[in-house]
Amino acid sequence: MQNELVMNLKEIVGEDWVLTDLALMESYLTDVTALPVRPKPASDVVVVKPANP
């Protein structure tokens, strides 16, 4: 992910709300899709967490 984009997102929503570490965002990148057909997430993903669960 481009550093400028990540920095801009952190400025807008706050650093605590932007995830770039794949290990921390894995729960946001999966759903109930069966494992054999579930696509692997791209390596250049950023997650902006919602304010409310």
N, C-alpha and C. Protein backbone atom coordinates (compact mmCIF):
# COMPACT_ATOMS: atom_id res chain seq x y z
N MET A 1 0.85 -1.17 0.00
CA MET A 1 0.00 0.00 0.00
C MET A 1 0.89 1.23 0.00
N GLN A 2 0.48 2.22 -0.72
CA GLN A 2 1.29 3.43 -0.82
C GLN A 2 1.31 4.14 0.53
N ASN A 3 2.51 4.50 0.98
CA ASN A 3 2.65 5.13 2.27
C ASN A 3 1.87 6.43 2.38
N GLU A 4 1.81 7.21 1.29
CA GLU A 4 1.09 8.48 1.32
C GLU A 4 -0.40 8.25 1.59
N LEU A 5 -0.97 7.26 0.96
CA LEU A 5 -2.38 6.95 1.17
C LEU A 5 -2.63 6.54 2.61
N VAL A 6 -1.79 5.68 3.15
CA VAL A 6 -1.94 5.22 4.54
C VAL A 6 -1.80 6.40 5.48
N MET A 7 -0.84 7.26 5.25
CA MET A 7 -0.65 8.43 6.10
C MET A 7 -1.87 9.34 6.05
N ASN A 8 -2.43 9.54 4.86
CA ASN A 8 -3.63 10.37 4.73
C ASN A 8 -4.82 9.77 5.47
N LEU A 9 -4.99 8.46 5.35
CA LEU A 9 -6.08 7.80 6.08
C LEU A 9 -5.92 7.97 7.58
N LYS A 10 -4.70 7.81 8.08
CA LYS A 10 -4.44 7.97 9.51
C LYS A 10 -4.70 9.40 9.97
N GLU A 11 -4.40 10.38 9.14
CA GLU A 11 -4.69 11.77 9.47
C GLU A 11 -6.19 12.03 9.53
N ILE A 12 -6.93 11.37 8.66
CA ILE A 12 -8.38 11.59 8.59
C ILE A 12 -9.11 10.92 9.74
N VAL A 13 -8.84 9.63 9.98
CA VAL A 13 -9.61 8.86 10.96
C VAL A 13 -8.86 8.56 12.24
N GLY A 14 -7.57 8.82 12.28
CA GLY A 14 -6.77 8.52 13.46
C GLY A 14 -6.00 7.22 13.29
N GLU A 15 -4.81 7.19 13.83
CA GLU A 15 -3.91 6.04 13.65
C GLU A 15 -4.47 4.73 14.19
N ASP A 16 -5.25 4.79 15.28
CA ASP A 16 -5.80 3.58 15.88
C ASP A 16 -6.83 2.89 15.01
N TRP A 17 -7.35 3.58 14.00
CA TRP A 17 -8.43 3.06 13.18
C TRP A 17 -7.96 2.51 11.84
N VAL A 18 -6.65 2.58 11.57
CA VAL A 18 -6.10 2.13 10.30
C VAL A 18 -5.15 0.96 10.55
N LEU A 19 -5.43 -0.18 9.94
CA LEU A 19 -4.58 -1.37 10.10
C LEU A 19 -3.84 -1.65 8.81
N THR A 20 -2.55 -1.90 8.93
CA THR A 20 -1.74 -2.30 7.77
C THR A 20 -1.02 -3.61 8.01
N ASP A 21 -1.01 -4.10 9.24
CA ASP A 21 -0.36 -5.36 9.59
C ASP A 21 -1.32 -6.51 9.28
N LEU A 22 -0.94 -7.38 8.36
CA LEU A 22 -1.81 -8.47 7.92
C LEU A 22 -2.28 -9.33 9.09
N ALA A 23 -1.43 -9.58 10.07
CA ALA A 23 -1.81 -10.41 11.22
C ALA A 23 -2.94 -9.75 12.02
N LEU A 24 -2.94 -8.42 12.10
CA LEU A 24 -3.98 -7.72 12.85
C LEU A 24 -5.29 -7.59 12.09
N MET A 25 -5.23 -7.66 10.77
CA MET A 25 -6.46 -7.45 10.01
C MET A 25 -7.07 -8.74 9.45
N GLU A 26 -6.52 -9.89 9.77
CA GLU A 26 -7.04 -11.14 9.22
C GLU A 26 -8.52 -11.35 9.51
N SER A 27 -8.98 -10.96 10.69
CA SER A 27 -10.40 -11.17 11.01
C SER A 27 -11.31 -10.28 10.15
N TYR A 28 -10.78 -9.20 9.61
CA TYR A 28 -11.56 -8.33 8.74
C TYR A 28 -11.56 -8.83 7.29
N LEU A 29 -10.67 -9.76 6.96
CA LEU A 29 -10.50 -10.19 5.58
C LEU A 29 -11.11 -11.55 5.28
N THR A 30 -11.78 -12.15 6.24
CA THR A 30 -12.37 -13.46 6.02
C THR A 30 -13.86 -13.42 6.34
N ASP A 31 -14.59 -14.35 5.80
CA ASP A 31 -16.00 -14.50 6.09
C ASP A 31 -16.32 -15.99 6.16
N VAL A 32 -17.57 -16.33 6.00
CA VAL A 32 -17.97 -17.73 6.14
C VAL A 32 -17.84 -18.53 4.85
N THR A 33 -17.21 -17.97 3.84
CA THR A 33 -16.98 -18.69 2.60
C THR A 33 -16.15 -19.95 2.87
N ALA A 34 -16.52 -21.06 2.25
CA ALA A 34 -15.81 -22.32 2.46
C ALA A 34 -14.33 -22.16 2.09
N LEU A 35 -13.46 -22.75 2.89
CA LEU A 35 -12.01 -22.61 2.68
C LEU A 35 -11.53 -22.97 1.27
N PRO A 36 -12.06 -24.02 0.65
CA PRO A 36 -11.56 -24.37 -0.69
C PRO A 36 -11.80 -23.28 -1.75
N VAL A 37 -12.81 -22.45 -1.56
CA VAL A 37 -13.12 -21.42 -2.56
C VAL A 37 -12.84 -20.00 -2.08
N ARG A 38 -12.43 -19.85 -0.84
CA ARG A 38 -12.15 -18.52 -0.28
C ARG A 38 -10.88 -17.96 -0.90
N PRO A 39 -10.93 -16.78 -1.50
CA PRO A 39 -9.71 -16.20 -2.06
C PRO A 39 -8.79 -15.69 -0.97
N LYS A 40 -7.50 -15.72 -1.24
CA LYS A 40 -6.53 -15.18 -0.29
C LYS A 40 -6.50 -13.66 -0.48
N PRO A 41 -6.44 -12.91 0.62
CA PRO A 41 -6.40 -11.45 0.50
C PRO A 41 -5.09 -10.98 -0.12
N ALA A 42 -5.14 -9.88 -0.80
CA ALA A 42 -3.94 -9.30 -1.39
C ALA A 42 -2.99 -8.86 -0.29
N SER A 43 -1.73 -8.71 -0.61
CA SER A 43 -0.74 -8.33 0.40
C SER A 43 -0.69 -6.82 0.61
N ASP A 44 -1.27 -6.05 -0.29
CA ASP A 44 -1.22 -4.59 -0.16
C ASP A 44 -2.58 -4.03 0.23
N VAL A 45 -3.11 -4.55 1.34
CA VAL A 45 -4.43 -4.17 1.82
C VAL A 45 -4.30 -3.28 3.04
N VAL A 46 -5.23 -2.37 3.16
CA VAL A 46 -5.32 -1.56 4.38
C VAL A 46 -6.77 -1.65 4.85
N VAL A 47 -6.97 -1.76 6.17
CA VAL A 47 -8.31 -1.82 6.74
C VAL A 47 -8.53 -0.55 7.54
N VAL A 48 -9.64 0.13 7.27
CA VAL A 48 -10.06 1.26 8.09
C VAL A 48 -11.22 0.75 8.91
N LYS A 49 -10.99 0.64 10.22
CA LYS A 49 -11.99 0.05 11.11
C LYS A 49 -13.18 0.98 11.28
N PRO A 50 -14.38 0.39 11.47
CA PRO A 50 -15.56 1.21 11.70
C PRO A 50 -15.54 1.79 13.11
N ALA A 51 -16.20 2.92 13.28
CA ALA A 51 -16.27 3.54 14.60
C ALA A 51 -17.16 2.74 15.54
N ASN A 52 -18.17 2.07 14.97
CA ASN A 52 -19.10 1.28 15.76
C ASN A 52 -19.08 -0.16 15.27
N PRO A 53 -19.03 -1.12 16.21
CA PRO A 53 -19.01 -2.53 15.80
C PRO A 53 -20.28 -2.97 15.12
